[in-house]
Amino acid sequence: MPFALAVHGGAGVLPRSEMTDELRRQYEQGLLLALQQGFSALTQGADAVSAVVLAVSILEDYPLFNAGRGSVFNHQGQHEMDASVMDGRTLAAGAVCAVSRIRNPVQLAHLVLQRSQHVMLCGAGAEQFAVEQGMKLVTPDYFFTERRYEQFLQARRRQAMQLDDGATIPLGTVGAVACDPHGNVAAATSTGGLNNKRYGRVGDSPIIGAGTYADNRTCAVSCTGHGEFFIRHVAAFDVHCLMAYKGMSVNAAAHCVIMEKLKPAGGEGGLIAVDPNGTIAMIFNGQGMYRAAQVAGGDPLVAIY
């Protein structure tokens, strides 16, 4: 059975005019590191869930991506992070939202899947659960980066000048999808949300069916983009539905959701998906999406635009 892994670092890519050679190298290095680690785990017998959690954890630790350490600031100048994981074998899922002291939110989402009877835990309750499970909380300064702080200040200035609503464009999400050697699929997604977002705002990333979905009968999906649109269109689940009920391929279903449904509605973004045969789809309707993928027996692919 062919196995495969794909990762994304968000659809909110820098314009080509702002992408220096050095910055491109750093983005590609982060994507490749996550891909290599996750793919190596699959090669050594790890299941799909373990592989996607590992890959997303690496992206969370990489400050260029909007998740974990690189998360954007909310309107209060704080960090509120969301993440989810889903196992296509059993439809078991775990999610956390609005956490602010969890170094790797995807790992906490995995613990919710493994060790609780719930699917989603929020805020202080999620962090209490983390402590009960032996996770160490980090201080807020762990998530501070000069780059994100300047983006936050710029958004606040534009808001004060009434140039826009202050949210600016989505700055991305990270995610991974995998098919293991047994044909099991899994997906994981993690984000810091929108820059200068309203306190308490939650996007699609932790919502099963919107930003993340996995079912061995069809595919695993991780989305990125303007979360409100992905929630309204139940985007990740819709890919599954098009495959399950209309018999579409994973690429056709992903294209339909991103290009024929979300784009006309104004929803900019993209998704990565994989089916139980190891076929990967990576579709986006904007100028780019940070992404990387590898199938057993093939070479790694890393791309931005």
C-alpha atoms as a PDB file:
ATOM      1  CA  MET A   1       0.000   0.000   0.000  1.00  0.00           C
ATOM      2  CA  PRO A   2       1.555   3.350  -1.023  1.00  0.00           C
ATOM      3  CA  PHE A   3       1.905   5.851   1.799  1.00  0.00           C
ATOM      4  CA  ALA A   4       2.060   9.618   1.506  1.00  0.00           C
ATOM      5  CA  LEU A   5       2.296  12.865   3.449  1.00  0.00           C
ATOM      6  CA  ALA A   6       1.503  16.472   2.591  1.00  0.00           C
ATOM      7  CA  VAL A   7       1.954  19.597   4.697  1.00  0.00           C
ATOM      8  CA  HIS A   8       0.936  23.215   4.289  1.00  0.00           C
ATOM      9  CA  GLY A   9       2.075  26.428   5.915  1.00  0.00           C
ATOM     10  CA  GLY A  10      -0.936  28.517   4.961  1.00  0.00           C
ATOM     11  CA  ALA A  11      -2.460  30.159   1.912  1.00  0.00           C
ATOM     12  CA  GLY A  12      -1.615  33.698   3.074  1.00  0.00           C
ATOM     13  CA  VAL A  13       1.681  33.830   1.206  1.00  0.00           C
ATOM     14  CA  LEU A  14       3.820  36.901   0.768  1.00  0.00           C
ATOM     15  CA  PRO A  15       3.506  38.616  -2.635  1.00  0.00           C
ATOM     16  CA  ARG A  16       6.330  37.685  -4.982  1.00  0.00           C
ATOM     17  CA  SER A  17       7.599  41.268  -4.762  1.00  0.00           C
ATOM     18  CA  GLU A  18       8.193  40.851  -1.013  1.00  0.00           C
ATOM     19  CA  MET A  19       9.627  37.332  -1.148  1.00  0.00           C
ATOM     20  CA  THR A  20      13.412  37.600  -0.997  1.00  0.00           C
ATOM     21  CA  ASP A  21      15.633  34.667  -1.890  1.00  0.00           C
ATOM     22  CA  GLU A  22      16.628  34.269   1.765  1.00  0.00           C
ATOM     23  CA  LEU A  23      13.036  34.346   3.003  1.00  0.00           C
ATOM     24  CA  ARG A  24      11.987  31.814   0.366  1.00  0.00           C
ATOM     25  CA  ARG A  25      14.820  29.562   1.494  1.00  0.00           C
ATOM     26  CA  GLN A  26      13.662  29.792   5.115  1.00  0.00           C
ATOM     27  CA  TYR A  27      10.045  28.983   4.243  1.00  0.00           C
ATOM     28  CA  GLU A  28      11.077  26.050   2.071  1.00  0.00           C
ATOM     29  CA  GLN A  29      13.443  24.813   4.774  1.00  0.00           C
ATOM     30  CA  GLY A  30      10.616  24.771   7.341  1.00  0.00           C
ATOM     31  CA  LEU A  31       8.240  22.958   5.013  1.00  0.00           C
ATOM     32  CA  LEU A  32      10.868  20.405   4.039  1.00  0.00           C
ATOM     33  CA  LEU A  33      11.816  19.742   7.666  1.00  0.00           C
ATOM     34  CA  ALA A  34       8.196  19.002   8.599  1.00  0.00           C
ATOM     35  CA  LEU A  35       7.742  16.829   5.516  1.00  0.00           C
ATOM     36  CA  GLN A  36      10.941  14.861   6.091  1.00  0.00           C
ATOM     37  CA  GLN A  37      10.228  14.196   9.754  1.00  0.00           C
ATOM     38  CA  GLY A  38       6.632  13.132   9.163  1.00  0.00           C
ATOM     39  CA  PHE A  39       7.500  11.017   6.131  1.00  0.00           C
ATOM     40  CA  SER A  40      10.384   9.363   7.965  1.00  0.00           C
ATOM     41  CA  ALA A  41       7.972   8.432  10.754  1.00  0.00           C
ATOM     42  CA  LEU A  42       5.659   6.760   8.223  1.00  0.00           C
ATOM     43  CA  THR A  43       8.614   4.922   6.707  1.00  0.00           C
ATOM     44  CA  GLN A  44       9.497   3.563  10.146  1.00  0.00           C
ATOM     45  CA  GLY A  45       5.971   2.274  10.764  1.00  0.00           C
ATOM     46  CA  ALA A  46       4.222   5.193  12.470  1.00  0.00           C
ATOM     47  CA  ASP A  47       0.486   5.489  11.880  1.00  0.00           C
ATOM     48  CA  ALA A  48      -1.073   8.400  10.018  1.00  0.00           C
ATOM     49  CA  VAL A  49      -2.192  10.228  13.171  1.00  0.00           C
ATOM     50  CA  SER A  50       1.293  10.174  14.693  1.00  0.00           C
ATOM     51  CA  ALA A  51       2.811  11.413  11.439  1.00  0.00           C
ATOM     52  CA  VAL A  52       0.509  14.423  11.051  1.00  0.00           C
ATOM     53  CA  VAL A  53       0.875  15.430  14.704  1.00  0.00           C
ATOM     54  CA  LEU A  54       4.674  15.285  14.361  1.00  0.00           C
ATOM     55  CA  ALA A  55       4.704  17.281  11.122  1.00  0.00           C
ATOM     56  CA  VAL A  56       2.393  19.982  12.465  1.00  0.00           C
ATOM     57  CA  SER A  57       4.383  20.214  15.719  1.00  0.00           C
ATOM     58  CA  ILE A  58       7.486  21.047  13.687  1.00  0.00           C
ATOM     59  CA  LEU A  59       5.618  23.766  11.800  1.00  0.00           C
ATOM     60  CA  GLU A  60       4.309  25.147  15.116  1.00  0.00           C
ATOM     61  CA  ASP A  61       7.897  25.478  16.333  1.00  0.00           C
ATOM     62  CA  TYR A  62       8.963  27.335  13.184  1.00  0.00           C
ATOM     63  CA  PRO A  63       8.361  31.079  13.746  1.00  0.00           C
ATOM     64  CA  LEU A  64       7.671  31.988  10.100  1.00  0.00           C
ATOM     65  CA  PHE A  65       4.344  30.148  10.143  1.00  0.00           C
ATOM     66  CA  ASN A  66       1.181  31.382  11.859  1.00  0.00           C
ATOM     67  CA  ALA A  67       0.812  28.637  14.457  1.00  0.00           C
ATOM     68  CA  GLY A  68       2.469  27.891  17.766  1.00  0.00           C
ATOM     69  CA  ARG A  69       5.522  30.085  18.201  1.00  0.00           C
ATOM     70  CA  GLY A  70       4.801  32.168  15.092  1.00  0.00           C
ATOM     71  CA  SER A  71       1.181  32.935  15.967  1.00  0.00           C
ATOM     72  CA  VAL A  72      -0.242  36.384  15.287  1.00  0.00           C
ATOM     73  CA  PHE A  73      -1.558  38.744  17.974  1.00  0.00           C
ATOM     74  CA  ASN A  74      -5.238  39.335  18.703  1.00  0.00           C
ATOM     75  CA  HIS A  75      -6.680  42.831  19.240  1.00  0.00           C
ATOM     76  CA  GLN A  76      -5.660  42.734  22.928  1.00  0.00           C
ATOM     77  CA  GLY A  77      -2.056  41.973  21.993  1.00  0.00           C
ATOM     78  CA  GLN A  78      -2.377  38.361  23.131  1.00  0.00           C
ATOM     79  CA  HIS A  79      -2.181  34.979  21.428  1.00  0.00           C
ATOM     80  CA  GLU A  80      -5.167  32.658  21.031  1.00  0.00           C
ATOM     81  CA  MET A  81      -4.370  29.456  19.191  1.00  0.00           C
ATOM     82  CA  ASP A  82      -6.543  26.682  17.753  1.00  0.00           C
ATOM     83  CA  ALA A  83      -5.780  23.145  16.577  1.00  0.00           C
ATOM     84  CA  SER A  84      -7.415  19.838  15.719  1.00  0.00           C
ATOM     85  CA  VAL A  85      -6.599  16.233  14.804  1.00  0.00           C
ATOM     86  CA  MET A  86      -8.805  13.558  13.227  1.00  0.00           C
ATOM     87  CA  ASP A  87      -8.248   9.816  12.771  1.00  0.00           C
ATOM     88  CA  GLY A  88      -9.800   8.392   9.593  1.00  0.00           C
ATOM     89  CA  ARG A  89      -9.897   4.862  10.997  1.00  0.00           C
ATOM     90  CA  THR A  90     -12.416   5.599  13.730  1.00  0.00           C
ATOM     91  CA  LEU A  91     -13.549   9.216  13.101  1.00  0.00           C
ATOM     92  CA  ALA A  92     -12.104  10.003  16.527  1.00  0.00           C
ATOM     93  CA  ALA A  93     -11.162  13.668  16.789  1.00  0.00           C
ATOM     94  CA  GLY A  94      -9.645  16.111  19.248  1.00  0.00           C
ATOM     95  CA  ALA A  95      -9.556  19.896  19.144  1.00  0.00           C
ATOM     96  CA  VAL A  96      -8.599  22.900  21.247  1.00  0.00           C
ATOM     97  CA  CYS A  97      -9.374  26.562  20.725  1.00  0.00           C
ATOM     98  CA  ALA A  98      -8.383  29.917  22.238  1.00  0.00           C
ATOM     99  CA  VAL A  99      -5.399  28.506  24.132  1.00  0.00           C
ATOM    100  CA  SER A 100      -2.605  30.917  24.988  1.00  0.00           C
ATOM    101  CA  ARG A 101       0.006  28.978  26.977  1.00  0.00           C
ATOM    102  CA  ILE A 102       0.370  25.758  24.966  1.00  0.00           C
ATOM    103  CA  ARG A 103       3.611  25.475  23.013  1.00  0.00           C
ATOM    104  CA  ASN A 104       2.185  22.873  20.614  1.00  0.00           C
ATOM    105  CA  PRO A 105      -1.603  23.115  20.431  1.00  0.00           C
ATOM    106  CA  VAL A 106      -1.763  20.176  18.019  1.00  0.00           C
ATOM    107  CA  GLN A 107      -0.264  17.921  20.692  1.00  0.00           C
ATOM    108  CA  LEU A 108      -2.937  19.010  23.151  1.00  0.00           C
ATOM    109  CA  ALA A 109      -5.614  18.341  20.522  1.00  0.00           C
ATOM    110  CA  HIS A 110      -4.122  14.855  20.150  1.00  0.00           C
ATOM    111  CA  LEU A 111      -4.400  14.321  23.917  1.00  0.00           C
ATOM    112  CA  VAL A 112      -8.059  15.385  23.782  1.00  0.00           C
ATOM    113  CA  LEU A 113      -8.578  12.714  21.121  1.00  0.00           C
ATOM    114  CA  GLN A 114      -6.723  10.066  23.112  1.00  0.00           C
ATOM    115  CA  ARG A 115      -7.618  10.745  26.738  1.00  0.00           C
ATOM    116  CA  SER A 116     -10.977  12.496  26.972  1.00  0.00           C
ATOM    117  CA  GLN A 117     -14.545  11.712  26.030  1.00  0.00           C
ATOM    118  CA  HIS A 118     -14.853  15.123  24.375  1.00  0.00           C
ATOM    119  CA  VAL A 119     -13.945  16.464  20.940  1.00  0.00           C
ATOM    120  CA  MET A 120     -13.206  20.128  21.712  1.00  0.00           C
ATOM    121  CA  LEU A 121     -11.885  21.941  24.784  1.00  0.00           C
ATOM    122  CA  CYS A 122     -11.587  25.717  24.964  1.00  0.00           C
ATOM    123  CA  GLY A 123      -9.405  28.315  26.683  1.00  0.00           C
ATOM    124  CA  ALA A 124      -8.660  27.878  30.373  1.00  0.00           C
ATOM    125  CA  GLY A 125     -10.432  24.517  30.460  1.00  0.00           C
ATOM    126  CA  ALA A 126      -8.207  23.178  27.706  1.00  0.00           C
ATOM    127  CA  GLU A 127      -5.108  24.430  29.526  1.00  0.00           C
ATOM    128  CA  GLN A 128      -6.255  22.837  32.785  1.00  0.00           C
ATOM    129  CA  PHE A 129      -6.649  19.557  30.922  1.00  0.00           C
ATOM    130  CA  ALA A 130      -3.136  20.020  29.509  1.00  0.00           C
ATOM    131  CA  VAL A 131      -1.656  20.351  32.997  1.00  0.00           C
ATOM    132  CA  GLU A 132      -3.596  17.294  34.178  1.00  0.00           C
ATOM    133  CA  GLN A 133      -2.050  15.342  31.296  1.00  0.00           C
ATOM    134  CA  GLY A 134       1.465  16.413  32.217  1.00  0.00           C
ATOM    135  CA  MET A 135       2.013  19.157  29.664  1.00  0.00           C
ATOM    136  CA  LYS A 136       4.057  22.161  30.774  1.00  0.00           C
ATOM    137  CA  LEU A 137       2.557  25.575  30.114  1.00  0.00           C
ATOM    138  CA  VAL A 138       4.763  28.259  28.580  1.00  0.00           C
ATOM    139  CA  THR A 139       4.762  31.968  29.372  1.00  0.00           C
ATOM    140  CA  PRO A 140       3.229  34.389  26.838  1.00  0.00           C
ATOM    141  CA  ASP A 141       6.617  35.779  25.830  1.00  0.00           C
ATOM    142  CA  TYR A 142       7.443  32.438  24.167  1.00  0.00           C
ATOM    143  CA  PHE A 143       5.122  33.450  21.312  1.00  0.00           C
ATOM    144  CA  PHE A 144       6.487  36.971  20.865  1.00  0.00           C
ATOM    145  CA  THR A 145       8.273  37.623  17.583  1.00  0.00           C
ATOM    146  CA  GLU A 146       9.219  41.067  16.257  1.00  0.00           C
ATOM    147  CA  ARG A 147       7.805  40.252  12.838  1.00  0.00           C
ATOM    148  CA  ARG A 148       4.355  39.388  14.159  1.00  0.00           C
ATOM    149  CA  TYR A 149       4.357  42.341  16.541  1.00  0.00           C
ATOM    150  CA  GLU A 150       5.055  44.763  13.698  1.00  0.00           C
ATOM    151  CA  GLN A 151       2.230  43.198  11.668  1.00  0.00           C
ATOM    152  CA  PHE A 152      -0.057  43.666  14.666  1.00  0.00           C
ATOM    153  CA  LEU A 153       0.926  47.315  15.112  1.00  0.00           C
ATOM    154  CA  GLN A 154       0.427  47.969  11.417  1.00  0.00           C
ATOM    155  CA  ALA A 155      -3.067  46.464  11.554  1.00  0.00           C
ATOM    156  CA  ARG A 156      -3.928  48.598  14.588  1.00  0.00           C
ATOM    157  CA  ARG A 157      -2.715  51.737  12.795  1.00  0.00           C
ATOM    158  CA  ARG A 158      -4.806  50.943   9.731  1.00  0.00           C
ATOM    159  CA  GLN A 159      -7.801  50.308  11.953  1.00  0.00           C
ATOM    160  CA  ALA A 160      -7.339  53.664  13.707  1.00  0.00           C
ATOM    161  CA  MET A 161      -7.228  55.360  10.299  1.00  0.00           C
ATOM    162  CA  GLN A 162     -10.393  53.437   9.291  1.00  0.00           C
ATOM    163  CA  LEU A 163      -8.605  51.978   6.293  1.00  0.00           C
ATOM    164  CA  ASP A 164     -10.029  48.531   7.000  1.00  0.00           C
ATOM    165  CA  ASP A 165     -11.432  46.491   9.869  1.00  0.00           C
ATOM    166  CA  GLY A 166      -7.960  45.807  11.234  1.00  0.00           C
ATOM    167  CA  ALA A 167      -8.018  42.094  10.578  1.00  0.00           C
ATOM    168  CA  THR A 168      -5.927  42.374   7.371  1.00  0.00           C
ATOM    169  CA  ILE A 169      -5.538  39.328   5.164  1.00  0.00           C
ATOM    170  CA  PRO A 170      -5.336  35.874   6.714  1.00  0.00           C
ATOM    171  CA  LEU A 171      -1.709  35.148   7.561  1.00  0.00           C
ATOM    172  CA  GLY A 172      -2.036  31.434   7.381  1.00  0.00           C
ATOM    173  CA  THR A 173      -2.459  28.160   9.146  1.00  0.00           C
ATOM    174  CA  VAL A 174      -0.392  24.990   9.198  1.00  0.00           C
ATOM    175  CA  GLY A 175      -1.576  21.492   8.565  1.00  0.00           C
ATOM    176  CA  ALA A 176      -0.739  17.966   7.490  1.00  0.00           C
ATOM    177  CA  VAL A 177      -2.510  14.997   5.944  1.00  0.00           C
ATOM    178  CA  ALA A 178      -1.166  11.458   5.745  1.00  0.00           C
ATOM    179  CA  CYS A 179      -1.949   8.021   4.425  1.00  0.00           C
ATOM    180  CA  ASP A 180       0.009   5.312   6.236  1.00  0.00           C
ATOM    181  CA  PRO A 181       1.132   1.933   4.795  1.00  0.00           C
ATOM    182  CA  HIS A 182      -2.130   0.346   5.990  1.00  0.00           C
ATOM    183  CA  GLY A 183      -4.312   2.783   4.064  1.00  0.00           C
ATOM    184  CA  ASN A 184      -5.364   4.735   7.138  1.00  0.00           C
ATOM    185  CA  VAL A 185      -5.669   8.501   6.710  1.00  0.00           C
ATOM    186  CA  ALA A 186      -5.445  11.352   9.217  1.00  0.00           C
ATOM    187  CA  ALA A 187      -5.399  15.143   9.254  1.00  0.00           C
ATOM    188  CA  ALA A 188      -4.196  17.847  11.634  1.00  0.00           C
ATOM    189  CA  THR A 189      -4.469  21.641  11.507  1.00  0.00           C
ATOM    190  CA  SER A 190      -3.144  24.426  13.749  1.00  0.00           C
ATOM    191  CA  THR A 191      -3.302  28.234  13.643  1.00  0.00           C
ATOM    192  CA  GLY A 192      -2.844  31.505  15.455  1.00  0.00           C
ATOM    193  CA  GLY A 193      -5.875  32.859  13.591  1.00  0.00           C
ATOM    194  CA  LEU A 194      -6.276  36.311  12.080  1.00  0.00           C
ATOM    195  CA  ASN A 195      -3.902  39.154  12.820  1.00  0.00           C
ATOM    196  CA  ASN A 196      -5.583  41.666  15.193  1.00  0.00           C
ATOM    197  CA  LYS A 197      -8.640  39.409  15.459  1.00  0.00           C
ATOM    198  CA  ARG A 198     -11.361  40.114  17.986  1.00  0.00           C
ATOM    199  CA  TYR A 199     -10.749  38.570  21.423  1.00  0.00           C
ATOM    200  CA  GLY A 200     -12.410  35.159  21.500  1.00  0.00           C
ATOM    201  CA  ARG A 201     -12.664  34.714  17.737  1.00  0.00           C
ATOM    202  CA  VAL A 202     -12.313  31.106  16.582  1.00  0.00           C
ATOM    203  CA  GLY A 203     -11.845  30.116  12.951  1.00  0.00           C
ATOM    204  CA  ASP A 204     -12.215  26.876  11.048  1.00  0.00           C
ATOM    205  CA  SER A 205      -8.988  25.151  12.099  1.00  0.00           C
ATOM    206  CA  PRO A 206     -10.305  23.460  15.274  1.00  0.00           C
ATOM    207  CA  ILE A 207     -13.758  22.752  13.829  1.00  0.00           C
ATOM    208  CA  ILE A 208     -14.153  19.188  12.617  1.00  0.00           C
ATOM    209  CA  GLY A 209     -15.697  19.266   9.156  1.00  0.00           C
ATOM    210  CA  ALA A 210     -14.748  22.876   8.479  1.00  0.00           C
ATOM    211  CA  GLY A 211     -10.951  23.041   8.700  1.00  0.00           C
ATOM    212  CA  THR A 212     -10.106  19.379   9.344  1.00  0.00           C
ATOM    213  CA  TYR A 213     -11.665  16.065   8.395  1.00  0.00           C
ATOM    214  CA  ALA A 214     -10.539  12.452   7.897  1.00  0.00           C
ATOM    215  CA  ASP A 215     -12.412   9.290   6.930  1.00  0.00           C
ATOM    216  CA  ASN A 216     -10.761   6.120   5.628  1.00  0.00           C
ATOM    217  CA  ARG A 217     -13.585   5.703   3.116  1.00  0.00           C
ATOM    218  CA  THR A 218     -12.581   8.858   1.251  1.00  0.00           C
ATOM    219  CA  CYS A 219      -9.771  11.176   2.353  1.00  0.00           C
ATOM    220  CA  ALA A 220      -8.095  13.373   4.949  1.00  0.00           C
ATOM    221  CA  VAL A 221      -8.285  17.159   4.569  1.00  0.00           C
ATOM    222  CA  SER A 222      -6.583  20.175   6.175  1.00  0.00           C
ATOM    223  CA  CYS A 223      -7.719  23.655   5.136  1.00  0.00           C
ATOM    224  CA  THR A 224      -6.210  27.130   5.229  1.00  0.00           C
ATOM    225  CA  GLY A 225      -7.658  30.538   4.460  1.00  0.00           C
ATOM    226  CA  HIS A 226     -10.359  32.888   5.676  1.00  0.00           C
ATOM    227  CA  GLY A 227     -11.952  30.657   8.293  1.00  0.00           C
ATOM    228  CA  GLU A 228     -15.419  32.183   8.331  1.00  0.00           C
ATOM    229  CA  PHE A 229     -15.976  31.027   4.738  1.00  0.00           C
ATOM    230  CA  PHE A 230     -14.643  27.545   5.422  1.00  0.00           C
ATOM    231  CA  ILE A 231     -16.985  27.249   8.408  1.00  0.00           C
ATOM    232  CA  ARG A 232     -20.048  28.388   6.446  1.00  0.00           C
ATOM    233  CA  HIS A 233     -19.297  25.970   3.627  1.00  0.00           C
ATOM    234  CA  VAL A 234     -18.172  23.097   5.896  1.00  0.00           C
ATOM    235  CA  ALA A 235     -15.294  22.852   3.451  1.00  0.00           C
ATOM    236  CA  ALA A 236     -13.312  19.845   4.675  1.00  0.00           C
ATOM    237  CA  PHE A 237     -16.424  17.683   5.079  1.00  0.00           C
ATOM    238  CA  ASP A 238     -17.665  18.785   1.668  1.00  0.00           C
ATOM    239  CA  VAL A 239     -14.585  17.262   0.035  1.00  0.00           C
ATOM    240  CA  HIS A 240     -15.448  13.981   1.773  1.00  0.00           C
ATOM    241  CA  CYS A 241     -19.087  14.247   0.682  1.00  0.00           C
ATOM    242  CA  LEU A 242     -18.270  14.845  -2.977  1.00  0.00           C
ATOM    243  CA  MET A 243     -16.092  11.740  -2.932  1.00  0.00           C
ATOM    244  CA  ALA A 244     -18.532   9.600  -0.943  1.00  0.00           C
ATOM    245  CA  TYR A 245     -21.792  10.580  -2.658  1.00  0.00           C
ATOM    246  CA  LYS A 246     -20.730  11.639  -6.151  1.00  0.00           C
ATOM    247  CA  GLY A 247     -17.735   9.361  -6.631  1.00  0.00           C
ATOM    248  CA  MET A 248     -15.319  12.208  -7.352  1.00  0.00           C
ATOM    249  CA  SER A 249     -11.565  11.765  -7.093  1.00  0.00           C
ATOM    250  CA  VAL A 250      -9.757  13.584  -4.295  1.00  0.00           C
ATOM    251  CA  ASN A 251      -8.373  16.148  -6.746  1.00  0.00           C
ATOM    252  CA  ALA A 252     -11.732  16.782  -8.404  1.00  0.00           C
ATOM    253  CA  ALA A 253     -13.499  17.134  -5.056  1.00  0.00           C
ATOM    254  CA  ALA A 254     -10.860  19.495  -3.660  1.00  0.00           C
ATOM    255  CA  HIS A 255     -10.954  21.607  -6.828  1.00  0.00           C
ATOM    256  CA  CYS A 256     -14.754  21.812  -6.684  1.00  0.00           C
ATOM    257  CA  VAL A 257     -14.785  23.049  -3.087  1.00  0.00           C
ATOM    258  CA  ILE A 258     -11.957  25.573  -3.392  1.00  0.00           C
ATOM    259  CA  MET A 259     -12.490  26.869  -6.925  1.00  0.00           C
ATOM    260  CA  GLU A 260     -16.205  26.393  -7.624  1.00  0.00           C
ATOM    261  CA  LYS A 261     -17.737  26.964  -4.195  1.00  0.00           C
ATOM    262  CA  LEU A 262     -15.455  29.053  -1.994  1.00  0.00           C
ATOM    263  CA  LYS A 263     -13.919  31.332  -4.622  1.00  0.00           C
ATOM    264  CA  PRO A 264     -17.227  32.679  -6.014  1.00  0.00           C
ATOM    265  CA  ALA A 265     -18.372  33.290  -2.417  1.00  0.00           C
ATOM    266  CA  GLY A 266     -15.261  35.379  -1.687  1.00  0.00           C
ATOM    267  CA  GLY A 267     -13.490  32.731   0.386  1.00  0.00           C
ATOM    268  CA  GLU A 268      -9.766  32.881  -0.340  1.00  0.00           C
ATOM    269  CA  GLY A 269      -7.678  29.918   0.696  1.00  0.00           C
ATOM    270  CA  GLY A 270      -6.792  26.348  -0.084  1.00  0.00           C
ATOM    271  CA  LEU A 271      -6.484  22.815   1.224  1.00  0.00           C
ATOM    272  CA  ILE A 272      -4.368  19.709   1.127  1.00  0.00           C
ATOM    273  CA  ALA A 273      -5.929  16.250   1.004  1.00  0.00           C
ATOM    274  CA  VAL A 274      -4.929  12.628   0.579  1.00  0.00           C
ATOM    275  CA  ASP A 275      -6.976   9.529  -0.202  1.00  0.00           C
ATOM    276  CA  PRO A 276      -6.397   5.951   1.094  1.00  0.00           C
ATOM    277  CA  ASN A 277      -4.411   5.146  -2.077  1.00  0.00           C
ATOM    278  CA  GLY A 278      -1.870   7.855  -1.303  1.00  0.00           C
ATOM    279  CA  THR A 279      -3.112  10.298  -3.971  1.00  0.00           C
ATOM    280  CA  ILE A 280      -2.470  13.881  -2.870  1.00  0.00           C
ATOM    281  CA  ALA A 281      -4.392  17.048  -3.764  1.00  0.00           C
ATOM    282  CA  MET A 282      -3.081  20.553  -3.048  1.00  0.00           C
ATOM    283  CA  ILE A 283      -5.518  23.205  -4.288  1.00  0.00           C
ATOM    284  CA  PHE A 284      -5.640  26.964  -3.639  1.00  0.00           C
ATOM    285  CA  ASN A 285      -7.483  29.891  -5.210  1.00  0.00           C
ATOM    286  CA  GLY A 286      -5.129  32.766  -4.295  1.00  0.00           C
ATOM    287  CA  GLN A 287      -1.611  33.634  -5.352  1.00  0.00           C
ATOM    288  CA  GLY A 288      -0.038  30.725  -3.502  1.00  0.00           C
ATOM    289  CA  MET A 289       0.064  28.278  -0.620  1.00  0.00           C
ATOM    290  CA  TYR A 290       3.136  27.142   1.318  1.00  0.00           C
ATOM    291  CA  ARG A 291       3.120  23.395   0.691  1.00  0.00           C
ATOM    292  CA  ALA A 292       5.169  20.227   0.466  1.00  0.00           C
ATOM    293  CA  ALA A 293       4.367  16.590  -0.297  1.00  0.00           C
ATOM    294  CA  GLN A 294       5.911  13.181  -0.845  1.00  0.00           C
ATOM    295  CA  VAL A 295       4.593   9.795  -1.908  1.00  0.00           C
ATOM    296  CA  ALA A 296       6.401   6.519  -1.202  1.00  0.00           C
ATOM    297  CA  GLY A 297       8.914   5.919  -3.959  1.00  0.00           C
ATOM    298  CA  GLY A 298       8.839   9.533  -5.103  1.00  0.00           C
ATOM    299  CA  ASP A 299      10.819  12.689  -4.483  1.00  0.00           C
ATOM    300  CA  PRO A 300       9.722  15.467  -2.135  1.00  0.00           C
ATOM    301  CA  LEU A 301       7.937  18.462  -3.649  1.00  0.00           C
ATOM    302  CA  VAL A 302       8.154  21.894  -2.035  1.00  0.00           C
ATOM    303  CA  ALA A 303       6.349  24.914  -3.513  1.00  0.00           C
ATOM    304  CA  ILE A 304       4.960  28.327  -2.579  1.00  0.00           C
ATOM    305  CA  TYR A 305       3.333  29.902  -5.657  1.00  0.00           C
END
